[in-house]
PDB file of N, CA and C in Angstrom:
ATOM      1  N   MET A   1      13.655  -4.560   4.233  1.00  0.00           N
ATOM      2  CA  MET A   1      13.068  -3.312   4.677  1.00  0.00           C
ATOM      3  C   MET A   1      13.805  -2.751   5.894  1.00  0.00           C
ATOM      4  N   GLY A   2      14.796  -3.469   6.362  1.00  0.00           N
ATOM      5  CA  GLY A   2      15.636  -2.947   7.425  1.00  0.00           C
ATOM      6  C   GLY A   2      15.143  -3.177   8.840  1.00  0.00           C
ATOM      7  N   TYR A   3      14.179  -4.038   9.039  1.00  0.00           N
ATOM      8  CA  TYR A   3      13.655  -4.295  10.385  1.00  0.00           C
ATOM      9  C   TYR A   3      14.429  -5.430  11.043  1.00  0.00           C
ATOM     10  N   ASP A   4      14.637  -5.318  12.344  1.00  0.00           N
ATOM     11  CA  ASP A   4      15.178  -6.425  13.120  1.00  0.00           C
ATOM     12  C   ASP A   4      14.041  -7.390  13.403  1.00  0.00           C
ATOM     13  N   LEU A   5      14.324  -8.665  13.253  1.00  0.00           N
ATOM     14  CA  LEU A   5      13.297  -9.668  13.523  1.00  0.00           C
ATOM     15  C   LEU A   5      13.206  -9.950  15.013  1.00  0.00           C
ATOM     16  N   SER A   6      11.995  -9.871  15.509  1.00  0.00           N
ATOM     17  CA  SER A   6      11.731 -10.151  16.919  1.00  0.00           C
ATOM     18  C   SER A   6      10.259 -10.526  17.040  1.00  0.00           C
ATOM     19  N   ARG A   7       9.828 -10.760  18.255  1.00  0.00           N
ATOM     20  CA  ARG A   7       8.416 -11.066  18.495  1.00  0.00           C
ATOM     21  C   ARG A   7       7.503  -9.917  18.089  1.00  0.00           C
ATOM     22  N   ASN A   8       8.033  -8.717  18.078  1.00  0.00           N
ATOM     23  CA  ASN A   8       7.218  -7.533  17.813  1.00  0.00           C
ATOM     24  C   ASN A   8       7.361  -6.988  16.401  1.00  0.00           C
ATOM     25  N   THR A   9       8.085  -7.684  15.540  1.00  0.00           N
ATOM     26  CA  THR A   9       8.308  -7.161  14.197  1.00  0.00           C
ATOM     27  C   THR A   9       6.999  -6.955  13.444  1.00  0.00           C
ATOM     28  N   THR A  10       6.095  -7.909  13.548  1.00  0.00           N
ATOM     29  CA  THR A  10       4.833  -7.804  12.813  1.00  0.00           C
ATOM     30  C   THR A  10       4.095  -6.528  13.186  1.00  0.00           C
ATOM     31  N   ILE A  11       4.070  -6.205  14.452  1.00  0.00           N
ATOM     32  CA  ILE A  11       3.373  -5.011  14.922  1.00  0.00           C
ATOM     33  C   ILE A  11       4.207  -3.756  14.662  1.00  0.00           C
ATOM     34  N   GLY A  12       5.483  -3.838  14.962  1.00  0.00           N
ATOM     35  CA  GLY A  12       6.348  -2.668  14.829  1.00  0.00           C
ATOM     36  C   GLY A  12       6.572  -2.236  13.388  1.00  0.00           C
ATOM     37  N   ALA A  13       6.479  -3.160  12.462  1.00  0.00           N
ATOM     38  CA  ALA A  13       6.716  -2.841  11.056  1.00  0.00           C
ATOM     39  C   ALA A  13       5.418  -2.566  10.293  1.00  0.00           C
ATOM     40  N   TYR A  14       4.304  -2.617  10.987  1.00  0.00           N
ATOM     41  CA  TYR A  14       3.008  -2.348  10.358  1.00  0.00           C
ATOM     42  C   TYR A  14       2.983  -0.917   9.848  1.00  0.00           C
ATOM     43  N   PRO A  15       2.526  -0.633   8.653  1.00  0.00           N
ATOM     44  CA  PRO A  15       1.814  -1.445   7.688  1.00  0.00           C
ATOM     45  C   PRO A  15       2.701  -2.155   6.665  1.00  0.00           C
ATOM     46  N   ASN A  16       4.023  -2.006   6.801  1.00  0.00           N
ATOM     47  CA  ASN A  16       4.912  -2.663   5.839  1.00  0.00           C
ATOM     48  C   ASN A  16       4.793  -4.184   5.867  1.00  0.00           C
ATOM     49  N   THR A  17       4.416  -4.751   7.011  1.00  0.00           N
ATOM     50  CA  THR A  17       4.217  -6.195   7.062  1.00  0.00           C
ATOM     51  C   THR A  17       3.072  -6.607   6.155  1.00  0.00           C
ATOM     52  N   TYR A  18       2.034  -5.810   6.121  1.00  0.00           N
ATOM     53  CA  TYR A  18       0.892  -6.111   5.250  1.00  0.00           C
ATOM     54  C   TYR A  18       1.313  -5.987   3.784  1.00  0.00           C
ATOM     55  N   LEU A  19       2.094  -4.967   3.469  1.00  0.00           N
ATOM     56  CA  LEU A  19       2.585  -4.774   2.107  1.00  0.00           C
ATOM     57  C   LEU A  19       3.454  -5.963   1.683  1.00  0.00           C
ATOM     58  N   ALA A  20       4.333  -6.417   2.560  1.00  0.00           N
ATOM     59  CA  ALA A  20       5.178  -7.577   2.255  1.00  0.00           C
ATOM     60  C   ALA A  20       4.325  -8.816   2.008  1.00  0.00           C
ATOM     61  N   HIS A  21       3.274  -8.971   2.790  1.00  0.00           N
ATOM     62  CA  HIS A  21       2.372 -10.109   2.613  1.00  0.00           C
ATOM     63  C   HIS A  21       1.709 -10.058   1.238  1.00  0.00           C
ATOM     64  N   LEU A  22       1.271  -8.887   0.814  1.00  0.00           N
ATOM     65  CA  LEU A  22       0.628  -8.752  -0.490  1.00  0.00           C
ATOM     66  C   LEU A  22       1.613  -9.007  -1.631  1.00  0.00           C
ATOM     67  N   LYS A  23       2.859  -8.580  -1.458  1.00  0.00           N
ATOM     68  CA  LYS A  23       3.879  -8.861  -2.480  1.00  0.00           C
ATOM     69  C   LYS A  23       4.131 -10.360  -2.581  1.00  0.00           C
ATOM     70  N   ALA A  24       4.210 -11.022  -1.440  1.00  0.00           N
ATOM     71  CA  ALA A  24       4.420 -12.477  -1.436  1.00  0.00           C
ATOM     72  C   ALA A  24       3.231 -13.199  -2.062  1.00  0.00           C
ATOM     73  N   LEU A  25       2.037 -12.728  -1.789  1.00  0.00           N
ATOM     74  CA  LEU A  25       0.838 -13.337  -2.364  1.00  0.00           C
ATOM     75  C   LEU A  25       0.827 -13.173  -3.881  1.00  0.00           C
ATOM     76  N   GLU A  26       1.266 -12.034  -4.363  1.00  0.00           N
ATOM     77  CA  GLU A  26       1.345 -11.824  -5.807  1.00  0.00           C
ATOM     78  C   GLU A  26       2.287 -12.845  -6.447  1.00  0.00           C
ATOM     79  N   ILE A  27       3.443 -13.059  -5.853  1.00  0.00           N
ATOM     80  CA  ILE A  27       4.397 -14.040  -6.365  1.00  0.00           C
ATOM     81  C   ILE A  27       3.790 -15.438  -6.321  1.00  0.00           C
ATOM     82  N   GLU A  28       3.110 -15.754  -5.244  1.00  0.00           N
ATOM     83  CA  GLU A  28       2.443 -17.054  -5.109  1.00  0.00           C
ATOM     84  C   GLU A  28       1.406 -17.258  -6.214  1.00  0.00           C
ATOM     85  N   LEU A  29       0.609 -16.229  -6.480  1.00  0.00           N
ATOM     86  CA  LEU A  29      -0.416 -16.337  -7.512  1.00  0.00           C
ATOM     87  C   LEU A  29       0.192 -16.429  -8.914  1.00  0.00           C
ATOM     88  N   LEU A  30       1.276 -15.718  -9.155  1.00  0.00           N
ATOM     89  CA  LEU A  30       1.973 -15.831 -10.440  1.00  0.00           C
ATOM     90  C   LEU A  30       2.472 -17.251 -10.665  1.00  0.00           C
ATOM     91  N   GLU A  31       3.054 -17.823  -9.647  1.00  0.00           N
ATOM     92  CA  GLU A  31       3.571 -19.193  -9.748  1.00  0.00           C
ATOM     93  C   GLU A  31       2.432 -20.193  -9.928  1.00  0.00           C
ATOM     94  N   ALA A  32       1.357 -20.009  -9.207  1.00  0.00           N
ATOM     95  CA  ALA A  32       0.205 -20.901  -9.337  1.00  0.00           C
ATOM     96  C   ALA A  32      -0.392 -20.808 -10.742  1.00  0.00           C
ATOM     97  N   ALA A  33      -0.412 -19.609 -11.299  1.00  0.00           N
ATOM     98  CA  ALA A  33      -0.930 -19.437 -12.662  1.00  0.00           C
ATOM     99  C   ALA A  33      -0.034 -20.161 -13.672  1.00  0.00           C
ATOM    100  N   LYS A  34       1.276 -20.050 -13.487  1.00  0.00           N
ATOM    101  CA  LYS A  34       2.209 -20.762 -14.371  1.00  0.00           C
ATOM    102  C   LYS A  34       1.968 -22.257 -14.345  1.00  0.00           C
ATOM    103  N   ARG A  35       1.681 -22.760 -13.158  1.00  0.00           N
ATOM    104  CA  ARG A  35       1.482 -24.202 -12.976  1.00  0.00           C
ATOM    105  C   ARG A  35       0.038 -24.633 -13.216  1.00  0.00           C
ATOM    106  N   LYS A  36      -0.807 -23.664 -13.586  1.00  0.00           N
ATOM    107  CA  LYS A  36      -2.230 -23.927 -13.855  1.00  0.00           C
ATOM    108  C   LYS A  36      -2.942 -24.573 -12.663  1.00  0.00           C
ATOM    109  N   LEU A  37      -2.646 -24.061 -11.486  1.00  0.00           N
ATOM    110  CA  LEU A  37      -3.243 -24.551 -10.246  1.00  0.00           C
ATOM    111  C   LEU A  37      -4.506 -23.737  -9.952  1.00  0.00           C
ATOM    112  N   ASP A  38      -5.520 -23.949 -10.774  1.00  0.00           N
ATOM    113  CA  ASP A  38      -6.733 -23.141 -10.694  1.00  0.00           C
ATOM    114  C   ASP A  38      -7.451 -23.240  -9.357  1.00  0.00           C
ATOM    115  N   LYS A  39      -7.490 -24.422  -8.773  1.00  0.00           N
ATOM    116  CA  LYS A  39      -8.156 -24.586  -7.470  1.00  0.00           C
ATOM    117  C   LYS A  39      -7.423 -23.782  -6.392  1.00  0.00           C
ATOM    118  N   TRP A  40      -6.107 -23.798  -6.461  1.00  0.00           N
ATOM    119  CA  TRP A  40      -5.311 -23.031  -5.488  1.00  0.00           C
ATOM    120  C   TRP A  40      -5.570 -21.541  -5.654  1.00  0.00           C
ATOM    121  N   ILE A  41      -5.576 -21.088  -6.894  1.00  0.00           N
ATOM    122  CA  ILE A  41      -5.841 -19.675  -7.157  1.00  0.00           C
ATOM    123  C   ILE A  41      -7.232 -19.301  -6.659  1.00  0.00           C
ATOM    124  N   GLU A  42      -8.194 -20.162  -6.902  1.00  0.00           N
ATOM    125  CA  GLU A  42      -9.558 -19.905  -6.439  1.00  0.00           C
ATOM    126  C   GLU A  42      -9.605 -19.732  -4.919  1.00  0.00           C
ATOM    127  N   GLN A  43      -8.918 -20.607  -4.204  1.00  0.00           N
ATOM    128  CA  GLN A  43      -8.895 -20.519  -2.738  1.00  0.00           C
ATOM    129  C   GLN A  43      -8.203 -19.238  -2.273  1.00  0.00           C
ATOM    130  N   ARG A  44      -7.072 -18.939  -2.888  1.00  0.00           N
ATOM    131  CA  ARG A  44      -6.333 -17.741  -2.473  1.00  0.00           C
ATOM    132  C   ARG A  44      -7.099 -16.471  -2.836  1.00  0.00           C
ATOM    133  N   CYS A  45      -7.904 -16.520  -3.917  1.00  0.00           N
ATOM    134  CA  CYS A  45      -8.729 -15.367  -4.261  1.00  0.00           C
ATOM    135  C   CYS A  45      -9.806 -15.141  -3.206  1.00  0.00           C
ATOM    136  N   LYS A  46     -10.347 -16.214  -2.668  1.00  0.00           N
ATOM    137  CA  LYS A  46     -11.305 -16.066  -1.559  1.00  0.00           C
ATOM    138  C   LYS A  46     -10.626 -15.388  -0.377  1.00  0.00           C
ATOM    139  N   ASP A  47      -9.411 -15.825  -0.082  1.00  0.00           N
ATOM    140  CA  ASP A  47      -8.648 -15.197   1.004  1.00  0.00           C
ATOM    141  C   ASP A  47      -8.417 -13.716   0.709  1.00  0.00           C
ATOM    142  N   LEU A  48      -7.989 -13.454  -0.512  1.00  0.00           N
ATOM    143  CA  LEU A  48      -7.679 -12.081  -0.908  1.00  0.00           C
ATOM    144  C   LEU A  48      -8.907 -11.181  -0.785  1.00  0.00           C
ATOM    145  N   LYS A  49     -10.052 -11.663  -1.230  1.00  0.00           N
ATOM    146  CA  LYS A  49     -11.285 -10.874  -1.125  1.00  0.00           C
ATOM    147  C   LYS A  49     -11.662 -10.612   0.336  1.00  0.00           C
ATOM    148  N   SER A  50     -11.344 -11.562   1.204  1.00  0.00           N
ATOM    149  CA  SER A  50     -11.661 -11.376   2.627  1.00  0.00           C
ATOM    150  C   SER A  50     -10.822 -10.265   3.258  1.00  0.00           C
ATOM    151  N   TYR A  51      -9.675  -9.953   2.657  1.00  0.00           N
ATOM    152  CA  TYR A  51      -8.829  -8.878   3.199  1.00  0.00           C
ATOM    153  C   TYR A  51      -9.561  -7.542   3.193  1.00  0.00           C
ATOM    154  N   LEU A  52     -10.488  -7.385   2.264  1.00  0.00           N
ATOM    155  CA  LEU A  52     -11.226  -6.124   2.179  1.00  0.00           C
ATOM    156  C   LEU A  52     -12.121  -5.905   3.392  1.00  0.00           C
ATOM    157  N   ASN A  53     -12.392  -6.977   4.136  1.00  0.00           N
ATOM    158  CA  ASN A  53     -13.176  -6.882   5.379  1.00  0.00           C
ATOM    159  C   ASN A  53     -12.290  -6.872   6.621  1.00  0.00           C
ATOM    160  N   ASP A  54     -10.994  -6.916   6.415  1.00  0.00           N
ATOM    161  CA  ASP A  54     -10.057  -6.949   7.532  1.00  0.00           C
ATOM    162  C   ASP A  54      -9.898  -5.543   8.107  1.00  0.00           C
ATOM    163  N   PRO A  55     -10.251  -5.349   9.363  1.00  0.00           N
ATOM    164  CA  PRO A  55     -10.126  -4.007   9.948  1.00  0.00           C
ATOM    165  C   PRO A  55      -8.672  -3.537  10.065  1.00  0.00           C
ATOM    166  N   HIS A  56      -7.727  -4.465   9.917  1.00  0.00           N
ATOM    167  CA  HIS A  56      -6.311  -4.099  10.018  1.00  0.00           C
ATOM    168  C   HIS A  56      -5.681  -3.783   8.667  1.00  0.00           C
ATOM    169  N   LEU A  57      -6.453  -3.959   7.582  1.00  0.00           N
ATOM    170  CA  LEU A  57      -5.925  -3.611   6.270  1.00  0.00           C
ATOM    171  C   LEU A  57      -5.739  -2.101   6.206  1.00  0.00           C
ATOM    172  N   PRO A  58      -4.502  -1.651   6.005  1.00  0.00           N
ATOM    173  CA  PRO A  58      -4.291  -0.206   5.903  1.00  0.00           C
ATOM    174  C   PRO A  58      -5.044   0.340   4.685  1.00  0.00           C
ATOM    175  N   SER A  59      -5.710   1.445   4.845  1.00  0.00           N
ATOM    176  CA  SER A  59      -6.502   2.011   3.750  1.00  0.00           C
ATOM    177  C   SER A  59      -5.627   2.308   2.534  1.00  0.00           C
ATOM    178  N   ILE A  60      -4.360   2.581   2.756  1.00  0.00           N
ATOM    179  CA  ILE A  60      -3.457   2.860   1.635  1.00  0.00           C
ATOM    180  C   ILE A  60      -3.181   1.613   0.797  1.00  0.00           C
ATOM    181  N   LEU A  61      -3.551   0.428   1.287  1.00  0.00           N
ATOM    182  CA  LEU A  61      -3.321  -0.811   0.543  1.00  0.00           C
ATOM    183  C   LEU A  61      -4.591  -1.388  -0.075  1.00  0.00           C
ATOM    184  N   GLU A  62      -5.712  -0.741   0.125  1.00  0.00           N
ATOM    185  CA  GLU A  62      -6.966  -1.247  -0.448  1.00  0.00           C
ATOM    186  C   GLU A  62      -6.872  -1.337  -1.973  1.00  0.00           C
ATOM    187  N   ASP A  63      -6.322  -0.320  -2.607  1.00  0.00           N
ATOM    188  CA  ASP A  63      -6.188  -0.345  -4.066  1.00  0.00           C
ATOM    189  C   ASP A  63      -5.310  -1.496  -4.524  1.00  0.00           C
ATOM    190  N   ARG A  64      -4.287  -1.811  -3.748  1.00  0.00           N
ATOM    191  CA  ARG A  64      -3.391  -2.929  -4.092  1.00  0.00           C
ATOM    192  C   ARG A  64      -4.159  -4.248  -4.044  1.00  0.00           C
ATOM    193  N   VAL A  65      -5.013  -4.416  -3.054  1.00  0.00           N
ATOM    194  CA  VAL A  65      -5.825  -5.630  -2.955  1.00  0.00           C
ATOM    195  C   VAL A  65      -6.764  -5.718  -4.156  1.00  0.00           C
ATOM    196  N   TYR A  66      -7.424  -4.619  -4.500  1.00  0.00           N
ATOM    197  CA  TYR A  66      -8.311  -4.613  -5.668  1.00  0.00           C
ATOM    198  C   TYR A  66      -7.535  -4.935  -6.948  1.00  0.00           C
ATOM    199  N   GLU A  67      -6.333  -4.409  -7.064  1.00  0.00           N
ATOM    200  CA  GLU A  67      -5.503  -4.687  -8.235  1.00  0.00           C
ATOM    201  C   GLU A  67      -5.211  -6.187  -8.359  1.00  0.00           C
ATOM    202  N   LEU A  68      -4.863  -6.815  -7.253  1.00  0.00           N
ATOM    203  CA  LEU A  68      -4.580  -8.257  -7.273  1.00  0.00           C
ATOM    204  C   LEU A  68      -5.839  -9.054  -7.597  1.00  0.00           C
ATOM    205  N   ILE A  69      -6.962  -8.639  -7.051  1.00  0.00           N
ATOM    206  CA  ILE A  69      -8.234  -9.318  -7.347  1.00  0.00           C
ATOM    207  C   ILE A  69      -8.540  -9.211  -8.840  1.00  0.00           C
ATOM    208  N   ASN A  70      -8.423  -8.021  -9.387  1.00  0.00           N
ATOM    209  CA  ASN A  70      -8.717  -7.823 -10.804  1.00  0.00           C
ATOM    210  C   ASN A  70      -7.757  -8.600 -11.698  1.00  0.00           C
ATOM    211  N   ARG A  71      -6.552  -8.734 -11.258  1.00  0.00           N
ATOM    212  CA  ARG A  71      -5.521  -9.395 -12.055  1.00  0.00           C
ATOM    213  C   ARG A  71      -5.627 -10.922 -12.026  1.00  0.00           C
ATOM    214  N   PHE A  72      -5.950 -11.487 -10.864  1.00  0.00           N
ATOM    215  CA  PHE A  72      -5.877 -12.939 -10.698  1.00  0.00           C
ATOM    216  C   PHE A  72      -7.224 -13.620 -10.480  1.00  0.00           C
ATOM    217  N   CYS A  73      -8.245 -12.885 -10.120  1.00  0.00           N
ATOM    218  CA  CYS A  73      -9.458 -13.536  -9.656  1.00  0.00           C
ATOM    219  C   CYS A  73     -10.641 -13.398 -10.607  1.00  0.00           C
ATOM    220  N   ARG A  74     -10.435 -12.963 -11.779  1.00  0.00           N
ATOM    221  CA  ARG A  74     -11.541 -12.793 -12.722  1.00  0.00           C
ATOM    222  C   ARG A  74     -12.227 -14.105 -13.036  1.00  0.00           C
ATOM    223  N   LYS A  75     -11.467 -15.195 -13.166  1.00  0.00           N
ATOM    224  CA  LYS A  75     -12.055 -16.507 -13.464  1.00  0.00           C
ATOM    225  C   LYS A  75     -12.868 -17.051 -12.312  1.00  0.00           C
ATOM    226  N   THR A  76     -12.554 -16.602 -11.096  1.00  0.00           N
ATOM    227  CA  THR A  76     -13.206 -17.160  -9.903  1.00  0.00           C
ATOM    228  C   THR A  76     -14.396 -16.326  -9.444  1.00  0.00           C
ATOM    229  N   GLN A  77     -14.687 -15.234 -10.125  1.00  0.00           N
ATOM    230  CA  GLN A  77     -15.783 -14.354  -9.682  1.00  0.00           C
ATOM    231  C   GLN A  77     -17.123 -14.885 -10.125  1.00  0.00           C
TER     232      GLN A  77
END
């Protein structure tokens, strides 16, 4: 994304840092699904659902969180 890494990258690159985190979580969940790590997926789905209560979640990413929940967390609901 073109950011220099420093102590302030997380803050300075916001909200792109949150977007990068969600992309990484998607890859993690895809890999866990391949490996049939249902307990891991269940735990990460709890984490993912908690993001909806995070005051720092950019409103433009709420739909992305819902998309990931709908895609990966149906078994855990």
